[in-house]
Amino acid sequence: MAIGDISKVPPQRAFCLAVWIPVDAAATGSWKGVPIKPFSETITNDACASISYGHVFDF
C-alpha cells in the first residue's frame, strides 16, 4: 500500500512500449488530509507513466 507515497504505487499489469517521447510526471497535494511527499520524474512516454504508477497519471 502506498499510503500517499506515489513512488510506492504498484504498477498496472500491462506492457509499455519503450518509445522515447518523454513526459515529466509530477504530483503534490494531500491524501486523506495528510500532505504527500512531492513526486517528480521524467518517464519514457505518457502510456508508461500511466502503467508505472497505477492510475495516478492516467489522464
Protein backbone atom coordinates (compact mmCIF):
# COMPACT_ATOMS: atom_id res chain seq x y z
CA MET A 1 0.00 0.00 0.00
CA ALA A 2 1.40 3.41 -0.99
CA ILE A 3 -0.23 5.45 1.82
CA GLY A 4 0.24 8.73 -0.03
CA ASP A 5 3.72 7.96 -1.45
CA ILE A 6 3.42 7.95 -5.25
CA SER A 7 6.78 6.22 -5.65
CA LYS A 8 5.25 3.19 -3.88
CA VAL A 9 2.12 2.92 -6.06
CA PRO A 10 2.17 -0.55 -7.63
CA PRO A 11 2.31 -0.63 -11.45
CA GLN A 12 -0.56 -1.87 -13.56
CA ARG A 13 -0.20 -5.27 -15.21
CA ALA A 14 0.36 -4.08 -18.76
CA PHE A 15 3.07 -3.79 -21.36
CA CYS A 16 4.79 -0.47 -22.00
CA LEU A 17 6.49 0.22 -25.33
CA ALA A 18 9.80 1.95 -24.75
CA VAL A 19 9.28 4.66 -27.37
CA TRP A 20 11.10 7.77 -26.17
CA ILE A 21 8.52 10.57 -26.10
CA PRO A 22 9.40 11.80 -22.60
CA VAL A 23 6.88 13.27 -20.19
CA ASP A 24 7.51 14.92 -16.85
CA ALA A 25 5.19 13.45 -14.25
CA ALA A 26 4.80 15.46 -11.06
CA ALA A 27 2.37 15.44 -8.17
CA THR A 28 1.85 17.36 -4.96
CA GLY A 29 -1.10 17.61 -2.64
CA SER A 30 -2.62 15.52 0.11
CA TRP A 31 -4.01 12.04 0.67
CA LYS A 32 -6.75 11.72 3.28
CA GLY A 33 -5.83 15.17 4.58
CA VAL A 34 -2.12 14.38 5.00
CA PRO A 35 0.44 16.10 2.72
CA ILE A 36 2.11 13.69 0.30
CA LYS A 37 5.80 13.56 -0.44
CA PRO A 38 6.31 15.69 -3.60
CA PHE A 39 6.94 13.48 -6.63
CA SER A 40 8.65 14.32 -9.93
CA GLU A 41 10.11 12.03 -12.57
CA THR A 42 10.76 12.03 -16.32
CA ILE A 43 9.15 8.92 -17.80
CA THR A 44 9.57 7.32 -21.23
CA ASN A 45 6.09 8.32 -22.50
CA ASP A 46 2.58 9.03 -21.24
CA ALA A 47 1.46 5.40 -21.55
CA CYS A 48 4.41 4.22 -19.46
CA ALA A 49 3.62 6.90 -16.85
CA SER A 50 0.09 5.57 -16.55
CA ILE A 51 1.25 1.95 -16.37
CA SER A 52 4.17 2.58 -14.00
CA TYR A 53 2.14 4.40 -11.34
CA GLY A 54 -1.24 2.74 -11.45
CA HIS A 55 -3.91 5.28 -12.34
CA VAL A 56 -2.20 8.28 -10.70
CA PHE A 57 -1.11 9.72 -14.07
CA ASP A 58 -3.92 8.21 -16.15
CA PHE A 59 -5.39 11.32 -17.76
